[in-house]
N, C-alpha and C. Protein backbone atom coordinates (compact mmCIF):
# COMPACT_ATOMS: atom_id res chain seq x y z
N UNK A 1 50.10 140.69 70.76
CA UNK A 1 50.60 139.19 70.54
C UNK A 1 51.95 139.00 70.82
N UNK A 2 51.92 137.92 71.31
CA UNK A 2 53.31 137.29 71.82
C UNK A 2 54.19 136.98 70.72
N UNK A 3 55.60 136.64 70.83
CA UNK A 3 56.26 136.56 69.66
C UNK A 3 56.06 135.42 69.05
N UNK A 4 55.84 134.08 69.80
CA UNK A 4 55.54 132.93 68.88
C UNK A 4 54.25 133.29 68.08
N UNK A 5 53.36 133.94 68.81
CA UNK A 5 51.87 134.02 67.91
C UNK A 5 52.33 135.01 66.48
N UNK A 6 53.35 136.09 66.65
CA UNK A 6 53.35 136.88 65.61
C UNK A 6 54.07 136.12 64.23
N UNK A 7 55.35 135.53 64.77
CA UNK A 7 56.11 134.43 64.15
C UNK A 7 55.08 133.17 63.19
N UNK A 8 54.40 132.55 63.85
CA UNK A 8 53.34 131.70 63.55
C UNK A 8 52.35 132.21 62.34
N UNK A 9 52.17 133.48 62.77
CA UNK A 9 50.95 134.02 61.86
C UNK A 9 51.85 134.75 60.44
N UNK A 10 52.82 135.21 60.72
CA UNK A 10 53.73 135.59 59.64
C UNK A 10 53.83 134.57 58.60
N UNK A 11 54.09 133.47 59.21
CA UNK A 11 54.62 131.97 58.41
C UNK A 11 53.29 131.79 57.64
N UNK A 12 52.33 131.52 58.44
CA UNK A 12 50.85 131.13 57.86
C UNK A 12 50.49 132.09 56.80
N UNK A 13 50.42 133.08 57.00
CA UNK A 13 50.20 134.34 55.97
C UNK A 13 51.05 134.09 54.77
N UNK A 14 52.34 133.92 54.87
CA UNK A 14 53.05 133.68 53.83
C UNK A 14 52.85 132.39 52.94
N UNK A 15 52.39 131.23 53.66
CA UNK A 15 52.16 129.96 53.00
C UNK A 15 50.46 130.10 52.30
N UNK A 16 49.73 131.10 52.90
CA UNK A 16 48.45 130.86 52.33
C UNK A 16 48.23 132.21 51.56
N UNK A 17 49.22 132.83 51.03
CA UNK A 17 49.33 134.12 50.09
C UNK A 17 48.23 135.29 50.74
N UNK A 18 48.63 135.59 52.14
CA UNK A 18 48.20 136.65 52.74
C UNK A 18 48.96 137.47 53.23
N UNK A 19 50.36 137.35 52.89
CA UNK A 19 51.27 138.07 53.52
C UNK A 19 50.90 139.77 53.49
N UNK A 20 50.54 139.89 52.33
CA UNK A 20 50.17 141.66 52.41
C UNK A 20 49.17 141.99 53.27
N UNK A 21 48.21 140.93 53.47
CA UNK A 21 47.03 141.31 54.44
C UNK A 21 47.64 141.57 55.84
N UNK A 22 48.85 140.83 56.23
CA UNK A 22 49.17 140.83 57.47
C UNK A 22 49.82 141.75 57.93
N UNK A 23 50.39 142.55 56.80
CA UNK A 23 51.36 143.56 57.11
C UNK A 23 50.64 144.45 58.19
N UNK A 24 49.46 145.21 58.13
CA UNK A 24 48.71 146.19 58.86
C UNK A 24 48.76 145.57 60.39
N UNK A 25 48.32 144.14 60.31
CA UNK A 25 48.11 143.46 61.66
C UNK A 25 49.28 143.23 62.52
N UNK A 26 50.53 143.11 61.71
CA UNK A 26 51.60 142.39 62.32
C UNK A 26 52.79 143.42 62.51
N UNK A 27 52.92 144.46 61.53
CA UNK A 27 54.10 145.21 61.38
C UNK A 27 53.64 146.71 62.01
N UNK A 28 54.66 147.30 62.77
CA UNK A 28 54.63 148.87 63.41
C UNK A 28 54.51 149.48 62.06
N UNK A 29 53.82 150.73 62.44
CA UNK A 29 53.76 151.70 61.07
C UNK A 29 55.20 152.29 60.58
N UNK A 30 56.21 152.26 61.54
CA UNK A 30 57.32 152.86 61.02
C UNK A 30 58.53 151.77 60.96
N UNK A 31 57.82 150.40 60.78
CA UNK A 31 58.94 149.21 60.42
C UNK A 31 59.76 149.55 59.27
N UNK A 32 61.12 148.96 59.42
CA UNK A 32 61.75 149.11 58.47
C UNK A 32 62.19 147.60 57.82
N UNK A 33 62.29 147.36 56.49
CA UNK A 33 62.63 146.17 55.86
C UNK A 33 63.87 146.54 54.98
N UNK A 34 64.87 145.74 55.39
CA UNK A 34 66.27 145.63 54.60
C UNK A 34 66.55 144.56 53.85
N UNK A 35 66.85 144.66 52.69
CA UNK A 35 67.24 143.76 51.72
C UNK A 35 68.95 143.41 51.79
N UNK A 36 69.16 142.38 51.31
CA UNK A 36 70.86 142.02 51.40
C UNK A 36 71.20 142.88 50.12
N UNK A 37 70.49 143.27 49.19
CA UNK A 37 71.23 143.90 48.11
C UNK A 37 70.24 144.77 47.47
N UNK A 38 70.69 145.91 46.55
CA UNK A 38 69.95 146.77 46.09
C UNK A 38 69.33 146.32 45.02
N UNK A 39 67.86 145.89 45.00
CA UNK A 39 67.28 145.35 43.72
C UNK A 39 66.83 146.31 42.90
N UNK A 40 67.19 146.35 41.70
CA UNK A 40 66.70 147.43 40.66
C UNK A 40 66.79 148.80 40.83
N UNK A 41 67.78 149.48 41.81
CA UNK A 41 67.79 150.72 42.20
C UNK A 41 66.92 151.11 42.83
N UNK A 42 66.36 150.39 43.85
CA UNK A 42 65.22 150.78 44.79
C UNK A 42 65.96 151.08 46.31
N UNK A 43 66.91 151.07 46.45
CA UNK A 43 67.52 151.03 47.62
C UNK A 43 67.58 149.44 48.49
N UNK A 44 68.24 149.33 49.67
CA UNK A 44 67.96 148.15 50.31
C UNK A 44 67.11 148.26 51.06
N UNK A 45 66.77 149.73 51.76
CA UNK A 45 65.90 149.91 52.83
C UNK A 45 64.73 150.38 52.60
N UNK A 46 63.69 149.76 53.12
CA UNK A 46 61.91 150.43 52.63
C UNK A 46 61.69 151.03 54.20
N UNK A 47 61.32 152.25 54.54
CA UNK A 47 60.89 152.58 55.63
C UNK A 47 59.55 153.12 55.91
N UNK A 48 58.83 152.41 56.93
CA UNK A 48 57.43 152.59 57.18
C UNK A 48 56.58 151.61 56.38
N UNK A 49 55.61 151.46 56.89
CA UNK A 49 54.73 150.51 56.55
C UNK A 49 54.18 150.73 54.76
N UNK A 50 54.07 151.72 54.35
CA UNK A 50 53.59 152.22 53.01
C UNK A 50 54.73 151.58 52.26
N UNK A 51 56.01 152.23 52.54
CA UNK A 51 56.97 151.39 51.57
C UNK A 51 57.32 150.20 51.54
N UNK A 52 56.79 149.46 52.75
CA UNK A 52 57.02 147.67 52.72
C UNK A 52 55.75 147.22 51.81
N UNK A 53 54.76 147.85 52.09
CA UNK A 53 53.46 147.31 51.03
C UNK A 53 53.81 147.72 49.46
N UNK A 54 54.75 148.56 49.25
CA UNK A 54 55.11 148.87 48.25
C UNK A 54 55.99 148.06 47.51
N UNK A 55 57.16 147.60 48.27
CA UNK A 55 58.03 146.58 47.95
C UNK A 55 56.95 144.85 47.46
N UNK A 56 55.98 144.71 48.42
CA UNK A 56 55.16 143.72 48.22
C UNK A 56 54.54 143.97 46.80
N UNK A 57 53.98 144.86 46.43
CA UNK A 57 53.36 145.40 45.23
C UNK A 57 54.19 145.01 44.28
N UNK A 58 55.61 145.47 44.29
CA UNK A 58 56.49 145.46 43.15
C UNK A 58 56.81 143.81 43.04
N UNK A 59 56.78 142.84 43.99
CA UNK A 59 57.35 141.63 43.70
C UNK A 59 55.88 140.98 43.39
N UNK A 60 54.85 141.34 43.41
CA UNK A 60 53.65 140.82 42.58
C UNK A 60 53.51 140.87 41.37
N UNK A 61 53.72 142.34 40.95
CA UNK A 61 53.91 143.02 39.56
C UNK A 61 55.19 142.33 39.06
N UNK A 62 56.14 142.11 39.42
CA UNK A 62 57.37 141.87 38.69
C UNK A 62 57.71 140.43 38.49
N UNK A 63 57.16 139.45 39.41
CA UNK A 63 57.66 137.90 39.05
C UNK A 63 56.29 136.93 39.08
N UNK A 64 56.76 135.92 38.72
CA UNK A 64 55.70 134.84 38.39
C UNK A 64 56.36 134.06 39.33
N UNK A 65 55.87 133.47 40.45
CA UNK A 65 56.45 132.37 41.44
C UNK A 65 55.67 130.92 40.91
N UNK A 66 56.67 130.05 40.64
CA UNK A 66 56.18 128.52 40.41
C UNK A 66 56.45 127.69 41.45
N UNK A 67 57.19 128.09 42.39
CA UNK A 67 57.46 127.26 43.58
C UNK A 67 57.80 128.11 44.63
N UNK A 68 57.51 127.78 45.95
CA UNK A 68 57.69 128.59 47.27
C UNK A 68 57.54 127.97 48.13
N UNK A 69 58.36 127.91 49.52
CA UNK A 69 58.37 127.18 50.71
C UNK A 69 58.69 128.16 51.69
N UNK A 70 58.13 127.98 52.87
CA UNK A 70 58.38 128.88 53.93
C UNK A 70 58.69 127.97 55.25
N UNK A 71 60.02 128.09 55.91
CA UNK A 71 60.14 127.19 56.90
C UNK A 71 59.18 127.59 58.15
N UNK A 72 59.29 126.88 59.21
CA UNK A 72 58.81 127.06 60.43
C UNK A 72 59.45 128.15 60.92
N UNK A 73 58.93 129.03 61.91
CA UNK A 73 59.76 129.97 62.41
C UNK A 73 60.79 129.47 63.45
N UNK A 74 61.92 130.06 63.88
CA UNK A 74 63.01 129.92 64.68
C UNK A 74 62.98 130.94 65.59
N UNK A 75 62.83 131.03 66.82
CA UNK A 75 62.46 131.81 67.85
C UNK A 75 63.77 131.91 68.40
N UNK A 76 64.08 133.30 68.87
CA UNK A 76 65.61 133.83 69.44
C UNK A 76 65.09 134.69 70.38
N UNK A 77 65.09 134.31 71.70
CA UNK A 77 64.73 135.26 72.84
C UNK A 77 63.25 135.56 72.78
N UNK A 78 63.11 136.83 73.30
CA UNK A 78 61.75 137.26 73.41
C UNK A 78 61.61 138.40 72.28
N UNK A 79 62.32 138.45 71.29
CA UNK A 79 62.16 139.79 70.52
C UNK A 79 62.58 139.44 69.07
N UNK A 80 63.25 138.27 68.60
CA UNK A 80 63.32 138.10 67.42
C UNK A 80 63.07 136.70 67.01
N UNK A 81 62.86 136.50 65.62
CA UNK A 81 62.67 135.16 65.14
C UNK A 81 63.35 135.39 63.66
N UNK A 82 63.51 133.89 63.11
CA UNK A 82 63.95 133.80 61.66
C UNK A 82 62.96 133.07 60.94
N UNK A 83 62.98 133.29 59.65
CA UNK A 83 62.36 132.33 58.74
C UNK A 83 63.40 131.99 57.45
N UNK A 84 63.32 130.92 56.88
CA UNK A 84 64.01 130.68 55.50
C UNK A 84 62.68 130.57 54.72
N UNK A 85 63.07 131.25 53.32
CA UNK A 85 62.32 131.38 52.11
C UNK A 85 63.12 130.67 51.13
N UNK A 86 62.15 129.89 50.23
CA UNK A 86 63.00 129.55 49.28
C UNK A 86 61.83 129.52 47.88
N UNK A 87 62.39 130.11 46.88
CA UNK A 87 61.40 130.75 45.96
C UNK A 87 62.10 130.55 44.37
N UNK A 88 61.14 129.89 43.45
CA UNK A 88 61.77 129.46 42.22
C UNK A 88 60.48 130.41 41.45
N UNK A 89 61.01 131.26 40.20
CA UNK A 89 59.93 131.50 39.12
C UNK A 89 60.73 132.18 38.11
N UNK A 90 60.15 133.41 37.53
CA UNK A 90 60.47 133.93 36.38
C UNK A 90 60.46 135.66 36.70
N UNK A 91 60.88 136.37 35.99
CA UNK A 91 60.87 137.83 36.26
C UNK A 91 60.00 138.13 34.86
N UNK A 92 58.62 138.69 35.21
CA UNK A 92 57.57 138.96 34.03
C UNK A 92 58.37 139.78 32.91
N UNK A 93 58.91 140.88 33.12
CA UNK A 93 59.50 141.39 31.77
C UNK A 93 60.52 140.93 31.14
N UNK A 94 61.55 140.19 31.63
CA UNK A 94 62.42 139.68 30.83
C UNK A 94 62.34 138.21 30.72
N UNK A 95 61.47 137.65 31.36
CA UNK A 95 61.35 136.02 31.25
C UNK A 95 62.34 135.34 31.95
N UNK A 96 63.20 135.96 32.50
CA UNK A 96 64.47 135.39 33.25
C UNK A 96 64.08 134.43 34.47
N UNK A 97 64.69 133.27 34.36
CA UNK A 97 64.14 132.42 35.64
C UNK A 97 65.08 132.78 36.65
N UNK A 98 64.58 132.40 37.87
CA UNK A 98 65.35 132.76 39.35
C UNK A 98 64.93 131.40 40.18
N UNK A 99 66.18 131.25 40.86
CA UNK A 99 65.67 130.40 42.20
C UNK A 99 66.59 130.99 43.27
N UNK A 100 66.08 131.34 44.39
CA UNK A 100 66.39 131.96 45.65
C UNK A 100 66.07 131.37 46.97
N UNK A 101 67.06 131.59 47.66
CA UNK A 101 66.82 131.17 49.33
C UNK A 101 67.73 132.00 49.86
N UNK A 102 66.82 132.75 50.99
CA UNK A 102 67.21 133.77 52.10
C UNK A 102 66.50 133.30 53.30
N UNK A 103 67.41 134.04 54.10
CA UNK A 103 66.98 133.82 55.58
C UNK A 103 66.26 135.35 55.66
N UNK A 104 65.10 135.24 56.53
CA UNK A 104 64.68 136.69 56.95
C UNK A 104 64.89 136.53 58.58
N UNK A 105 65.47 137.66 59.06
CA UNK A 105 65.36 137.71 60.77
C UNK A 105 64.37 138.86 60.82
N UNK A 106 63.47 138.75 61.87
CA UNK A 106 62.47 139.52 62.25
C UNK A 106 62.47 140.28 63.63
N UNK A 107 62.70 141.30 63.86
CA UNK A 107 62.68 141.86 65.18
C UNK A 107 61.42 142.54 65.61
N UNK A 108 61.07 142.26 67.04
CA UNK A 108 59.69 142.52 67.30
C UNK A 108 59.95 143.15 68.52
N UNK A 109 59.05 144.32 68.68
CA UNK A 109 58.86 145.28 69.85
C UNK A 109 57.52 145.90 70.07
N UNK A 110 56.90 145.49 71.22
CA UNK A 110 55.58 146.07 71.81
C UNK A 110 54.74 145.31 71.14
N UNK A 111 54.84 143.99 70.58
CA UNK A 111 53.81 143.09 69.87
C UNK A 111 53.88 143.34 68.40
N UNK A 112 54.91 143.88 67.87
CA UNK A 112 54.78 144.31 66.48
C UNK A 112 56.23 144.02 65.88
N UNK A 113 56.32 143.77 64.60
CA UNK A 113 57.50 143.52 63.70
C UNK A 113 57.73 144.96 63.59
N UNK A 114 58.95 145.29 63.81
CA UNK A 114 59.74 146.75 63.80
C UNK A 114 60.66 146.87 62.88
N UNK A 115 61.46 145.44 62.30
CA UNK A 115 62.53 145.41 61.41
C UNK A 115 62.55 144.02 60.88
N UNK A 116 62.77 143.76 59.66
CA UNK A 116 62.89 142.80 59.03
C UNK A 116 64.30 142.93 58.07
N UNK A 117 65.09 142.03 58.38
CA UNK A 117 66.25 141.95 57.47
C UNK A 117 66.42 140.56 56.55
N UNK A 118 66.60 140.60 55.32
CA UNK A 118 66.92 139.31 54.59
C UNK A 118 68.35 139.36 54.24
N UNK A 119 68.74 137.74 54.12
CA UNK A 119 70.11 137.47 54.03
C UNK A 119 70.19 136.62 52.93
N UNK A 120 70.80 136.55 51.70
CA UNK A 120 70.82 135.85 50.85
C UNK A 120 72.22 135.12 50.53
């Protein structure tokens, strides 16, 4: 897949609630996901597709999302793109409400996402 196709499919998957399904299709097995901060002592970096799936599982189990938006992808050269995420909801365990906005930068190599970095 070309960069634009990967970026558009990632955004479509997020908007259509199939981001987790897209992991095996869009990400390299050894991809790395880096958060802006260490959430709940899990560390900032998740290494490998299984660890990234685990992050998705944690998010689904820990949060109740009431509003979410995903920008169109912004391409950078032939190997990177960025997306802006805005999410509101609450943490299931504590009931604490949250609103967040973050920029995600995705690095692509050989037709797969190899690194994602979140900036908040």
